[in-house]
Amino acid sequence: MKEYKMRRGETLDENAPDLKGTVEEYFGSVTGTEEYEGNDLFVVGEPDNPVFERIVAGAAEYSGKKDKLAVHFEEKPAAQVIEEGHADAAEDAVNAKNDFLLEVTGRDAKSRRDSMKRSVEDDPDDVPNA
């Protein structure tokens, strides 16, 4: 599960007031919920794009901190996608993920990568010894 911060000065509620609807718009019908660190996240058990096996997304709420977007994209192995004849859907899957994350977090792919790099640099305890 990855957690994404919102752009400075923005909140999850402002960017996606109907998070369930936004998840459904990008990935397909929500089929249930799943608990993650005390939060109920939306599960898309049968995503519209055949590259995805399952998607879990929702608000990760922390007291005293801004909410984050928690997301897990389960994807089929590339060989299976190609074997099933869905290779052309892979580009659509990448675009759907990036567009969804941009809309909800307000941050593009480069900004999200830079933020994750900083969080690793800020927490050297998470880095294994070389």
C-alpha atoms as a PDB file:
ATOM      1  CA  MET A   1       0.000   0.000   0.000  1.00  0.00           C
ATOM      2  CA  LYS A   2       1.383   3.399  -0.967  1.00  0.00           C
ATOM      3  CA  GLU A   3       0.322   6.640   0.658  1.00  0.00           C
ATOM      4  CA  TYR A   4       0.336   9.909  -1.234  1.00  0.00           C
ATOM      5  CA  LYS A   5       0.357  13.425   0.223  1.00  0.00           C
ATOM      6  CA  MET A   6      -1.759  16.227  -1.172  1.00  0.00           C
ATOM      7  CA  ARG A   7      -0.215  19.287  -2.752  1.00  0.00           C
ATOM      8  CA  ARG A   8       0.680  21.989  -0.236  1.00  0.00           C
ATOM      9  CA  GLY A   9      -2.430  23.845   0.941  1.00  0.00           C
ATOM     10  CA  GLU A  10      -4.856  21.256  -0.464  1.00  0.00           C
ATOM     11  CA  THR A  11      -6.813  18.518   1.245  1.00  0.00           C
ATOM     12  CA  LEU A  12      -8.176  15.189   0.080  1.00  0.00           C
ATOM     13  CA  ASP A  13     -11.750  16.377   0.705  1.00  0.00           C
ATOM     14  CA  GLU A  14     -11.220  19.417  -1.527  1.00  0.00           C
ATOM     15  CA  ASN A  15      -9.605  17.491  -4.376  1.00  0.00           C
ATOM     16  CA  ALA A  16     -11.999  14.536  -4.316  1.00  0.00           C
ATOM     17  CA  PRO A  17     -15.159  15.345  -2.339  1.00  0.00           C
ATOM     18  CA  ASP A  18     -16.699  12.104  -3.676  1.00  0.00           C
ATOM     19  CA  LEU A  19     -13.688   9.788  -3.489  1.00  0.00           C
ATOM     20  CA  LYS A  20     -15.773   6.666  -4.115  1.00  0.00           C
ATOM     21  CA  GLY A  21     -17.217   8.234  -7.276  1.00  0.00           C
ATOM     22  CA  THR A  22     -13.745   9.261  -8.438  1.00  0.00           C
ATOM     23  CA  VAL A  23     -12.412   5.727  -7.919  1.00  0.00           C
ATOM     24  CA  GLU A  24     -15.359   4.328  -9.876  1.00  0.00           C
ATOM     25  CA  GLU A  25     -14.892   6.866 -12.679  1.00  0.00           C
ATOM     26  CA  TYR A  26     -11.293   5.769 -13.256  1.00  0.00           C
ATOM     27  CA  PHE A  27     -11.340   2.058 -12.435  1.00  0.00           C
ATOM     28  CA  GLY A  28     -14.851   0.565 -12.271  1.00  0.00           C
ATOM     29  CA  SER A  29     -17.507  -0.253  -9.703  1.00  0.00           C
ATOM     30  CA  VAL A  30     -16.564  -0.466  -6.045  1.00  0.00           C
ATOM     31  CA  THR A  31     -17.322  -4.019  -4.905  1.00  0.00           C
ATOM     32  CA  GLY A  32     -16.590  -3.650  -1.191  1.00  0.00           C
ATOM     33  CA  THR A  33     -14.305  -2.159   1.439  1.00  0.00           C
ATOM     34  CA  GLU A  34     -11.115  -3.255   3.137  1.00  0.00           C
ATOM     35  CA  GLU A  35      -9.633  -2.098   6.441  1.00  0.00           C
ATOM     36  CA  TYR A  36      -6.184  -0.461   6.381  1.00  0.00           C
ATOM     37  CA  GLU A  37      -4.729   1.005   9.584  1.00  0.00           C
ATOM     38  CA  GLY A  38      -8.200   1.720  10.960  1.00  0.00           C
ATOM     39  CA  ASN A  39      -9.561   3.206   7.720  1.00  0.00           C
ATOM     40  CA  ASP A  40     -12.093   1.657   5.351  1.00  0.00           C
ATOM     41  CA  LEU A  41     -10.774   1.782   1.800  1.00  0.00           C
ATOM     42  CA  PHE A  42     -12.747   1.139  -1.386  1.00  0.00           C
ATOM     43  CA  VAL A  43     -12.093  -2.100  -3.293  1.00  0.00           C
ATOM     44  CA  VAL A  44     -12.607  -2.478  -7.037  1.00  0.00           C
ATOM     45  CA  GLY A  45     -12.651  -6.259  -7.336  1.00  0.00           C
ATOM     46  CA  GLU A  46     -13.158  -6.366 -11.094  1.00  0.00           C
ATOM     47  CA  PRO A  47     -11.535  -3.265 -12.629  1.00  0.00           C
ATOM     48  CA  ASP A  48     -12.609  -2.100 -16.094  1.00  0.00           C
ATOM     49  CA  ASN A  49      -9.037  -2.261 -17.416  1.00  0.00           C
ATOM     50  CA  PRO A  50      -7.903  -5.896 -17.887  1.00  0.00           C
ATOM     51  CA  VAL A  51      -4.354  -5.056 -16.743  1.00  0.00           C
ATOM     52  CA  PHE A  52      -5.582  -4.621 -13.170  1.00  0.00           C
ATOM     53  CA  GLU A  53      -6.635  -7.553 -11.024  1.00  0.00           C
ATOM     54  CA  ARG A  54      -7.810  -5.472  -8.080  1.00  0.00           C
ATOM     55  CA  ILE A  55      -7.563  -1.917  -6.787  1.00  0.00           C
ATOM     56  CA  VAL A  56      -7.801  -0.673  -3.207  1.00  0.00           C
ATOM     57  CA  ALA A  57      -8.018   3.094  -2.642  1.00  0.00           C
ATOM     58  CA  GLY A  58      -9.240   5.493   0.011  1.00  0.00           C
ATOM     59  CA  ALA A  59      -8.422   8.046   2.659  1.00  0.00           C
ATOM     60  CA  ALA A  60      -5.772   7.280   5.243  1.00  0.00           C
ATOM     61  CA  GLU A  61      -6.729   9.554   8.128  1.00  0.00           C
ATOM     62  CA  TYR A  62      -4.302  10.492  10.889  1.00  0.00           C
ATOM     63  CA  SER A  63      -5.158  12.620  13.905  1.00  0.00           C
ATOM     64  CA  GLY A  64      -3.351  15.923  13.842  1.00  0.00           C
ATOM     65  CA  LYS A  65      -2.144  15.423  10.266  1.00  0.00           C
ATOM     66  CA  LYS A  66      -3.570  15.934   6.800  1.00  0.00           C
ATOM     67  CA  ASP A  67      -5.242  12.896   5.284  1.00  0.00           C
ATOM     68  CA  LYS A  68      -3.296  10.957   2.679  1.00  0.00           C
ATOM     69  CA  LEU A  69      -4.496   8.881  -0.237  1.00  0.00           C
ATOM     70  CA  ALA A  70      -3.780   5.184   0.315  1.00  0.00           C
ATOM     71  CA  VAL A  71      -3.720   3.106  -2.871  1.00  0.00           C
ATOM     72  CA  HIS A  72      -2.738  -0.388  -3.925  1.00  0.00           C
ATOM     73  CA  PHE A  73      -2.866  -1.387  -7.593  1.00  0.00           C
ATOM     74  CA  GLU A  74      -2.708  -5.161  -8.131  1.00  0.00           C
ATOM     75  CA  GLU A  75      -1.690  -5.787 -11.705  1.00  0.00           C
ATOM     76  CA  LYS A  76      -1.462  -8.974 -13.713  1.00  0.00           C
ATOM     77  CA  PRO A  77       2.033 -10.074 -14.787  1.00  0.00           C
ATOM     78  CA  ALA A  78       3.035  -8.562 -18.148  1.00  0.00           C
ATOM     79  CA  ALA A  79       3.323 -12.008 -19.777  1.00  0.00           C
ATOM     80  CA  GLN A  80      -0.266 -12.817 -18.802  1.00  0.00           C
ATOM     81  CA  VAL A  81      -1.555  -9.483 -20.111  1.00  0.00           C
ATOM     82  CA  ILE A  82       0.189 -10.062 -23.460  1.00  0.00           C
ATOM     83  CA  GLU A  83      -0.987 -13.684 -23.616  1.00  0.00           C
ATOM     84  CA  GLU A  84      -4.586 -12.562 -23.054  1.00  0.00           C
ATOM     85  CA  GLY A  85      -4.214 -10.064 -25.914  1.00  0.00           C
ATOM     86  CA  HIS A  86      -4.501  -6.948 -23.739  1.00  0.00           C
ATOM     87  CA  ALA A  87      -1.065  -5.411 -24.359  1.00  0.00           C
ATOM     88  CA  ASP A  88      -2.718  -2.265 -25.730  1.00  0.00           C
ATOM     89  CA  ALA A  89      -4.538  -1.802 -22.393  1.00  0.00           C
ATOM     90  CA  ALA A  90      -1.235  -1.361 -20.526  1.00  0.00           C
ATOM     91  CA  GLU A  91      -0.814   2.238 -21.696  1.00  0.00           C
ATOM     92  CA  ASP A  92      -4.403   3.002 -20.692  1.00  0.00           C
ATOM     93  CA  ALA A  93      -3.720   1.503 -17.249  1.00  0.00           C
ATOM     94  CA  VAL A  94      -0.671   3.727 -16.705  1.00  0.00           C
ATOM     95  CA  ASN A  95      -2.617   6.785 -17.859  1.00  0.00           C
ATOM     96  CA  ALA A  96      -5.562   5.932 -15.588  1.00  0.00           C
ATOM     97  CA  LYS A  97      -3.259   5.602 -12.557  1.00  0.00           C
ATOM     98  CA  ASN A  98      -1.417   8.847 -13.269  1.00  0.00           C
ATOM     99  CA  ASP A  99      -4.592  10.816 -14.075  1.00  0.00           C
ATOM    100  CA  PHE A 100      -6.321   9.508 -10.927  1.00  0.00           C
ATOM    101  CA  LEU A 101      -3.356  10.361  -8.700  1.00  0.00           C
ATOM    102  CA  LEU A 102      -3.015  13.820 -10.280  1.00  0.00           C
ATOM    103  CA  GLU A 103      -6.707  14.602  -9.779  1.00  0.00           C
ATOM    104  CA  VAL A 104      -6.863  13.391  -6.188  1.00  0.00           C
ATOM    105  CA  THR A 105      -3.467  14.570  -4.895  1.00  0.00           C
ATOM    106  CA  GLY A 106      -2.964  17.579  -7.151  1.00  0.00           C
ATOM    107  CA  ARG A 107       0.583  16.326  -7.821  1.00  0.00           C
ATOM    108  CA  ASP A 108       2.014  15.033 -11.086  1.00  0.00           C
ATOM    109  CA  ALA A 109       4.217  11.938 -11.396  1.00  0.00           C
ATOM    110  CA  LYS A 110       7.496  13.883 -11.090  1.00  0.00           C
ATOM    111  CA  SER A 111       6.311  15.666  -7.953  1.00  0.00           C
ATOM    112  CA  ARG A 112       5.174  12.358  -6.387  1.00  0.00           C
ATOM    113  CA  ARG A 113       8.543  10.706  -7.170  1.00  0.00           C
ATOM    114  CA  ASP A 114      10.488  13.626  -5.708  1.00  0.00           C
ATOM    115  CA  SER A 115       8.351  13.533  -2.563  1.00  0.00           C
ATOM    116  CA  MET A 116       8.931   9.801  -2.076  1.00  0.00           C
ATOM    117  CA  LYS A 117      12.691  10.286  -2.532  1.00  0.00           C
ATOM    118  CA  ARG A 118      12.682  13.004   0.142  1.00  0.00           C
ATOM    119  CA  SER A 119      10.731  10.826   2.575  1.00  0.00           C
ATOM    120  CA  VAL A 120      13.360   8.067   2.221  1.00  0.00           C
ATOM    121  CA  GLU A 121      16.184  10.587   2.684  1.00  0.00           C
ATOM    122  CA  ASP A 122      14.444  12.058   5.749  1.00  0.00           C
ATOM    123  CA  ASP A 123      14.109   8.645   7.434  1.00  0.00           C
ATOM    124  CA  PRO A 124      17.503   6.875   7.267  1.00  0.00           C
ATOM    125  CA  ASP A 125      16.254   4.168   9.664  1.00  0.00           C
ATOM    126  CA  ASP A 126      14.180   2.720   6.826  1.00  0.00           C
ATOM    127  CA  VAL A 127      17.225   2.242   4.586  1.00  0.00           C
ATOM    128  CA  PRO A 128      18.963  -1.143   4.960  1.00  0.00           C
ATOM    129  CA  ASN A 129      22.664  -1.090   5.820  1.00  0.00           C
ATOM    130  CA  ALA A 130      24.967  -1.580   2.864  1.00  0.00           C
END
